[in-house]
Every structure is written in structure tokens, then in C-alpha cells.
Protein backbone atom coordinates (compact mmCIF):
# COMPACT_ATOMS: atom_id res chain seq x y z
CA SER A 1 -7.05 4.06 -73.49
CA ILE A 2 -7.15 7.94 -73.88
CA ASP A 3 -3.31 8.50 -74.56
CA MET A 4 -2.70 5.22 -76.96
CA MET A 5 -2.17 5.77 -80.77
CA GLY A 6 -4.47 3.27 -81.42
CA ALA A 7 -5.89 -0.51 -80.65
CA SER A 8 -7.34 -3.25 -82.97
CA LEU A 9 -9.91 -5.54 -81.91
CA THR A 10 -11.23 -8.79 -83.62
CA PHE A 11 -14.21 -10.60 -82.69
CA MET A 12 -15.61 -13.89 -83.99
CA LYS A 13 -18.33 -15.94 -83.23
CA LEU A 14 -17.51 -18.70 -80.85
CA ASN A 15 -18.52 -22.03 -82.40
CA ASP A 16 -17.61 -25.62 -81.25
CA THR A 17 -14.47 -25.97 -82.92
CA LEU A 18 -12.96 -22.43 -82.19
CA LYS A 19 -13.81 -23.33 -78.14
CA LYS A 20 -12.04 -26.93 -78.93
CA TYR A 21 -8.79 -24.98 -79.87
CA LEU A 22 -9.17 -22.19 -77.37
CA ASP A 23 -9.25 -24.50 -74.48
CA TYR A 24 -5.95 -26.26 -75.66
CA PRO A 25 -3.01 -25.56 -72.60
CA SER A 26 -1.39 -22.42 -73.42
CA MET A 27 1.95 -21.01 -71.58
CA ALA A 28 2.44 -18.18 -74.01
CA PRO A 29 3.47 -14.66 -71.74
CA GLY A 30 0.15 -13.19 -72.81
CA PHE A 31 -2.25 -16.06 -73.04
CA ARG A 32 -1.98 -18.63 -70.34
CA VAL A 33 -4.30 -21.45 -70.33
CA ASP A 34 -4.27 -24.64 -68.30
CA GLY A 35 -7.48 -26.32 -69.59
CA PRO A 36 -11.31 -26.04 -70.82
CA VAL A 37 -12.96 -22.72 -69.22
CA SER A 38 -16.53 -22.78 -68.82
CA CYS A 39 -18.60 -20.44 -70.91
CA ILE A 40 -19.91 -17.20 -69.38
CA PRO A 41 -23.00 -16.02 -71.19
CA TYR A 42 -23.27 -12.06 -71.74
CA THR A 43 -26.43 -10.63 -70.41
CA ASP A 44 -26.81 -6.82 -71.33
CA VAL A 45 -27.43 -4.54 -67.95
CA GLU A 46 -30.95 -3.10 -69.45
CA LEU A 47 -31.93 -6.50 -70.24
CA ALA A 48 -31.37 -8.02 -67.22
CA MET A 49 -33.32 -5.53 -65.11
CA SER A 50 -36.02 -7.04 -63.53
CA GLU A 51 -39.17 -5.73 -61.13
CA LYS A 52 -37.24 -6.53 -58.24
CA GLY A 53 -34.21 -4.35 -59.08
CA LYS A 54 -35.90 -0.99 -58.84
CA PHE A 55 -34.99 2.10 -56.59
CA VAL A 56 -37.96 1.37 -53.92
CA THR A 57 -38.04 4.25 -51.52
CA GLU A 58 -40.40 5.70 -49.13
CA GLU A 59 -41.58 9.02 -49.59
CA GLU A 60 -40.89 10.09 -45.69
CA TRP A 61 -36.98 9.56 -46.85
CA GLY A 62 -37.14 12.77 -48.53
CA LYS A 63 -37.68 14.81 -45.49
CA ILE A 64 -34.57 16.42 -44.07
CA GLU A 65 -34.49 17.32 -40.76
CA LYS A 66 -33.30 20.73 -39.93
CA LYS A 67 -29.73 19.62 -38.70
CA LYS A 68 -29.31 16.09 -39.07
CA ILE A 69 -29.09 13.77 -42.64
CA SER A 70 -30.16 10.34 -41.80
CA LEU A 71 -29.13 6.76 -43.51
CA ASN A 72 -32.68 6.83 -45.23
CA ASN A 73 -32.12 10.43 -46.66
CA ILE A 74 -28.63 9.32 -48.39
CA ARG A 75 -30.73 6.34 -49.98
CA TYR A 76 -33.29 8.70 -51.16
CA MET A 77 -30.70 11.06 -52.88
CA THR A 78 -28.79 8.05 -54.31
CA ALA A 79 -32.22 6.67 -55.68
CA GLU A 80 -33.21 10.18 -57.03
CA MET A 81 -29.64 10.69 -58.53
CA GLY A 82 -29.73 6.84 -60.29
CA ARG A 83 -33.36 7.64 -61.70
CA TYR A 84 -32.32 10.62 -63.23
CA ILE A 85 -29.32 9.59 -64.89
CA ILE A 86 -30.96 6.58 -66.41
CA GLU A 87 -34.04 9.26 -67.57
CA LYS A 88 -30.96 11.77 -68.88
CA GLU A 89 -29.06 9.18 -70.37
CA SER A 90 -29.14 10.17 -74.14
CA TYR A 91 -29.35 13.85 -73.27
CA PHE A 92 -26.05 13.64 -71.05
CA CYS A 93 -24.79 11.74 -74.45
CA GLU A 94 -25.59 14.46 -76.70
CA ILE A 95 -24.10 17.36 -74.33
CA ASP A 96 -20.79 15.41 -74.41
CA SER A 97 -20.54 15.21 -77.84
CA PHE A 98 -19.39 18.72 -78.38
CA ALA A 99 -16.15 18.40 -76.31
CA GLY A 100 -15.82 14.70 -75.86
CA ASP A 101 -16.93 11.24 -77.40
CA GLY A 102 -20.56 11.37 -76.58
CA ASP A 103 -20.81 8.19 -74.45
CA PHE A 104 -20.96 9.79 -71.10
CA GLY A 105 -24.34 9.06 -70.70
CA ALA A 106 -24.41 5.75 -71.65
CA SER A 107 -20.85 5.32 -69.16
CA VAL A 108 -22.99 6.62 -66.22
CA ALA A 109 -26.09 5.21 -66.60
CA LYS A 110 -24.83 1.74 -67.17
CA GLY A 111 -23.27 1.61 -63.74
CA PHE A 112 -26.85 3.12 -61.98
CA LYS A 113 -28.82 0.82 -63.73
CA GLN A 114 -26.84 -2.20 -62.15
CA LEU A 115 -27.22 -0.37 -58.86
CA GLN A 116 -30.92 -0.31 -59.51
CA ASN A 117 -30.76 -4.14 -59.99
CA GLU A 118 -28.65 -4.84 -56.97
CA TRP A 119 -30.87 -2.05 -54.91
CA PRO A 120 -32.32 -4.96 -52.67
CA HIS A 121 -28.65 -5.85 -51.34
CA LEU A 122 -27.62 -2.17 -50.85
CA MET A 123 -30.55 -1.91 -48.66
CA GLN A 124 -29.38 -4.48 -46.22
CA GLU A 125 -26.54 -2.04 -45.24
CA ASP A 126 -27.25 -0.28 -42.09
CA THR A 127 -24.64 2.35 -42.10
CA ILE A 128 -24.18 5.26 -44.53
CA GLY A 129 -20.74 4.52 -45.11
CA GLY A 130 -21.49 0.88 -46.06
CA PHE A 131 -24.24 1.88 -47.93
CA LEU A 132 -22.07 4.30 -50.19
CA LYS A 133 -18.88 1.79 -50.39
CA ALA A 134 -21.42 -1.35 -51.50
CA GLY A 135 -22.84 1.37 -54.03
CA GLY A 136 -19.61 2.69 -55.13
CA MET A 137 -17.78 -0.93 -55.68
CA ILE A 138 -20.97 -1.26 -58.07
CA ILE A 139 -20.47 1.82 -59.98
CA VAL A 140 -16.50 1.40 -60.15
CA GLU A 141 -17.13 -2.05 -61.83
CA TYR A 142 -20.43 -1.21 -64.17
CA CYS A 143 -19.98 2.49 -65.04
CA GLY A 144 -18.16 2.49 -68.60
CA GLY A 145 -15.14 4.15 -69.69
CA ALA A 146 -13.46 7.20 -66.85
CA SER A 147 -16.68 7.40 -65.36
CA GLY A 148 -16.33 4.21 -63.27
CA PRO A 149 -13.07 5.19 -61.71
CA ILE A 150 -14.36 8.71 -61.27
CA TRP A 151 -17.79 8.40 -59.93
CA GLY A 152 -16.75 5.16 -58.21
CA SER A 153 -13.94 7.40 -56.42
CA ALA A 154 -16.74 9.47 -55.17
CA PHE A 155 -18.58 7.17 -53.42
CA LEU A 156 -15.88 5.34 -52.12
CA GLY A 157 -13.80 8.67 -50.78
CA ALA A 158 -17.57 9.61 -49.12
CA ALA A 159 -18.27 6.02 -47.42
CA SER A 160 -14.42 6.29 -46.14
CA GLU A 161 -15.23 9.58 -44.28
CA VAL A 162 -18.63 9.05 -42.74
CA GLY A 163 -17.85 5.13 -41.45
CA ALA A 164 -20.03 3.37 -39.57
CA LYS A 165 -22.51 6.59 -38.46
CA LYS A 166 -26.20 6.47 -39.44
CA GLU A 167 -27.10 10.34 -39.23
CA ILE A 168 -24.80 12.96 -39.91
CA SER A 169 -24.84 16.98 -39.38
CA LEU A 170 -24.64 19.41 -42.42
CA LYS A 171 -20.80 20.04 -41.55
CA GLU A 172 -20.30 16.04 -41.84
CA PHE A 173 -22.32 16.19 -44.97
CA ALA A 174 -19.54 18.64 -46.18
CA ASP A 175 -16.52 16.75 -44.95
CA MET A 176 -17.92 13.77 -46.86
CA MET A 177 -18.29 15.80 -50.27
CA GLN A 178 -14.62 17.35 -49.60
CA ALA A 179 -13.35 13.92 -49.16
CA ALA A 180 -15.46 12.68 -52.58
CA VAL A 181 -13.51 15.27 -53.99
CA ARG A 182 -9.79 14.16 -52.73
CA ASN A 183 -10.54 11.00 -53.65
CA ILE A 184 -11.32 11.63 -57.20
CA GLN A 185 -8.45 13.97 -57.67
CA LYS A 186 -6.32 11.06 -55.88
CA THR A 187 -7.52 8.60 -58.67
CA GLY A 188 -6.67 10.95 -61.19
CA GLN A 189 -3.15 11.73 -59.68
CA ARG A 190 -2.43 7.55 -60.08
CA SER A 191 -4.08 7.53 -63.77
CA PHE A 192 -2.25 10.65 -65.20
CA GLY A 193 -0.01 12.09 -63.03
CA LYS A 194 -2.30 14.94 -61.81
CA GLY A 195 -5.73 15.42 -59.98
CA ALA A 196 -7.97 17.45 -61.86
CA GLU A 197 -8.44 20.77 -60.16
CA VAL A 198 -10.91 23.96 -60.87
CA GLY A 199 -10.40 25.31 -64.24
CA ASP A 200 -9.07 21.83 -65.71
CA LYS A 201 -12.82 21.83 -67.56
CA THR A 202 -14.12 18.22 -65.60
CA LEU A 203 -16.80 17.47 -63.11
CA ILE A 204 -14.50 18.81 -60.18
CA ASP A 205 -15.55 22.61 -61.53
CA ALA A 206 -18.91 21.86 -60.25
CA LEU A 207 -17.91 19.23 -57.60
CA VAL A 208 -15.85 21.82 -55.82
CA PRO A 209 -17.78 24.39 -55.85
CA TYR A 210 -20.56 22.42 -54.47
CA ALA A 211 -18.44 21.22 -51.48
CA ASP A 212 -16.66 24.34 -50.57
CA THR A 213 -20.06 26.23 -50.19
CA LEU A 214 -21.49 23.52 -47.80
CA SER A 215 -18.05 23.48 -46.21
CA SER A 216 -18.61 27.63 -45.38
CA MET A 217 -22.18 27.28 -43.96
CA GLU A 218 -22.46 27.87 -40.38
CA LYS A 219 -25.94 28.88 -39.46
CA GLU A 220 -28.00 27.80 -42.61
CA SER A 221 -30.50 25.03 -42.32
CA ILE A 222 -29.35 21.96 -44.13
CA ALA A 223 -31.92 22.97 -47.10
CA GLU A 224 -30.56 26.29 -47.68
CA ALA A 225 -27.10 24.79 -47.55
CA PHE A 226 -28.14 22.67 -50.30
CA GLU A 227 -29.96 25.37 -52.37
CA LYS A 228 -26.84 27.77 -52.21
CA ALA A 229 -24.13 24.77 -53.12
CA THR A 230 -26.50 23.60 -55.69
CA ALA A 231 -26.27 27.41 -57.08
CA ALA A 232 -22.46 27.12 -56.87
CA ALA A 233 -22.23 23.54 -58.71
CA GLU A 234 -24.51 25.06 -61.69
CA THR A 235 -22.51 28.33 -61.86
CA GLY A 236 -19.29 26.23 -61.85
CA ALA A 237 -20.75 24.12 -64.42
CA GLN A 238 -21.11 26.97 -66.92
CA LYS A 239 -17.82 28.33 -66.49
CA THR A 240 -16.74 25.62 -68.02
CA ALA A 241 -17.58 26.79 -71.38
CA GLU A 242 -15.30 29.32 -71.31
CA ILE A 243 -12.25 26.89 -70.57
CA VAL A 244 -10.45 24.77 -73.20
CA ALA A 245 -10.31 21.10 -71.88
CA ARG A 246 -6.85 20.14 -70.62
CA MET A 247 -7.95 16.88 -68.97
CA GLY A 248 -9.61 13.84 -69.94
CA ARG A 249 -11.27 12.59 -72.62
CA ALA A 250 -12.06 16.19 -73.84
CA GLY A 251 -8.66 17.55 -73.40
CA VAL A 252 -7.81 15.81 -77.09
CA VAL A 253 -10.23 18.07 -78.73
CA GLY A 254 -8.36 20.86 -77.40
CA GLU A 255 -10.02 24.52 -79.00
CA ARG A 256 -13.19 22.78 -80.03
CA SER A 257 -14.24 22.12 -76.51
CA LEU A 258 -14.29 25.94 -76.52
CA GLY A 259 -18.23 27.28 -75.59
CA HIS A 260 -19.38 24.02 -74.73
CA PRO A 261 -19.45 23.52 -70.97
CA ASP A 262 -18.09 20.13 -69.58
CA ALA A 263 -20.78 17.20 -69.69
CA GLY A 264 -19.42 15.77 -66.31
CA ALA A 265 -19.71 19.31 -64.41
CA LEU A 266 -23.13 20.08 -66.36
CA ALA A 267 -24.65 16.98 -65.53
CA LEU A 268 -23.51 17.47 -61.83
CA GLY A 269 -25.14 20.44 -61.41
CA MET A 270 -28.66 19.23 -62.90
CA ILE A 271 -28.30 16.04 -60.70
CA PHE A 272 -27.99 18.35 -57.60
CA ARG A 273 -30.89 20.46 -58.48
CA HIS A 274 -33.13 17.40 -59.38
CA ILE A 275 -32.15 16.16 -55.95
CA ILE A 276 -33.19 19.20 -53.53
CA GLY A 277 -36.49 19.50 -55.80
CA LYS A 278 -37.73 16.07 -54.36
CA LEU A 279 -36.35 16.76 -50.97
CA HIS A 280 -38.79 17.95 -48.61
CA SER A 281 -38.18 19.51 -44.90
């Protein structure tokens, strides 16, 4: 869709007459119909949210031990990420309007609203990898635009790295974040022939410094490592203001993006800052 010259979509209200003719058998190469198809009613994600579909967590899940990160810690961080993204939906759209098409907040929030809907099912996953994989599949399907493949790839890459573990060390968490980076880049390689790198003005400019800082930590506590990694992500995001976008939707606006940080990178730094503000030792 990004590199297309254009597209034309025609929407018509479906009545009984149109439904009758749409159900007629068709062997056209682009429109195969074997017979009547049942209607699937449209349900808006936000309207479908119920009291059962909330990010239910326990306060104690936010407590990080000095040397281990538990499954409940990961659940807590994911829930706080989701809460914050939904809260900042409008703002994330606003910052995306300077260099993108202004839909970043809505695109990401849509996926995390569905994650919230399916939270009770996610809670049944009893390993870190299983939890992240199930969440990643929801994000891939429900996040709009390019956000689904990008954010979903991060979750799925992390899930593959950590596997069936129920608690991980700081080094293993760092390895998990590096795997998230690599999987995003693989998705970019498949889609555009090139995976985003630092300097391309994407969320990678915040995520790579975050992951690299974590990987360099040896003697620091988890809390100290998270603080330093978050600061690195924030610095990386701010540096994107000095870069002309070359990839993604923002790439088509070229020089117009100069002076404005990338929305995805900026949002990621803000999300990391929100999460560590909620954690306690």
C-alpha cells in the first residue's frame, strides 16, 4: 500500500437484492463464489470492550527482584504498555501527523484494545514465550497499517527467544529484546528488501539503543539497567528529529520530516519511561 500509485474502493450498503446476486456462483479469477455466504456483522473493537476484557494485574506483579524477571513481571509490563498506548492514542496520532499520515496512535491502540479484550485468555498462558506469542498474534491481526507486522514481529521474536521459561535473568531479557529487533528487521527485509537500521528514522532508532544498553549491563541491578536503557531509547528517539525519513510511511514526505522525531521511536521511549515508573523493587 505504501508504494502504490493509488487505489479506488467503492462501498455500498448491502441489501437483500445485492446479497442475492453476490451469492450467485462465480468462477472469475479474482472473485470465486461457490454459493451463499453467511454475513459477518461488523463489531468495532472499542465498542466490543467489556468489563471482563480489562488488563487485570496484581500490584505485586510490578515488583522486580534483583536478579530475575518473572512471568508476572512480563504480564505487568505488557498490561502497562497497553494501558499507556490506549491512553495516549490521540497524542501518538498528533506526533505522527508531522512526518507520517497521523494514524500511528489509532493503529497501535486498536491492537492493544483487542489485547485487552482477550486478556483473560492470555492469562492462561503459563510461560513467558507462550504469553508473548499469543499477544503477538493478536497484535499482528488487529493493529492497523504497518504497526501490526512491526509490533507483532517484536512480540513474536521475543517469544521465540525466551521459549518456555517462567523467569529470566537480565541477560536473557536483553537477548529477548535483541531478538525482537532482529525479527522486526527480518519483516522489513521481506516487505521492503531492507530491514530498518539506526539512522533510518523508525522505532528501531529507540529500540536498538534500548536493547544494546541492556546487553552491555553486567553488574547493575535490573532496575538500574532498565533506567539506563530507557534513557538510551529516549535519546535515540530525540535524535530522529535530525534525520530525513527514508523508510516506512514517513519516507514519502522526505524533507518535511526534518525537525520532528519519529512517532514510533518517540512513543517507544515514552512507553519504556511509563513502564519503569510503574515498576518497583
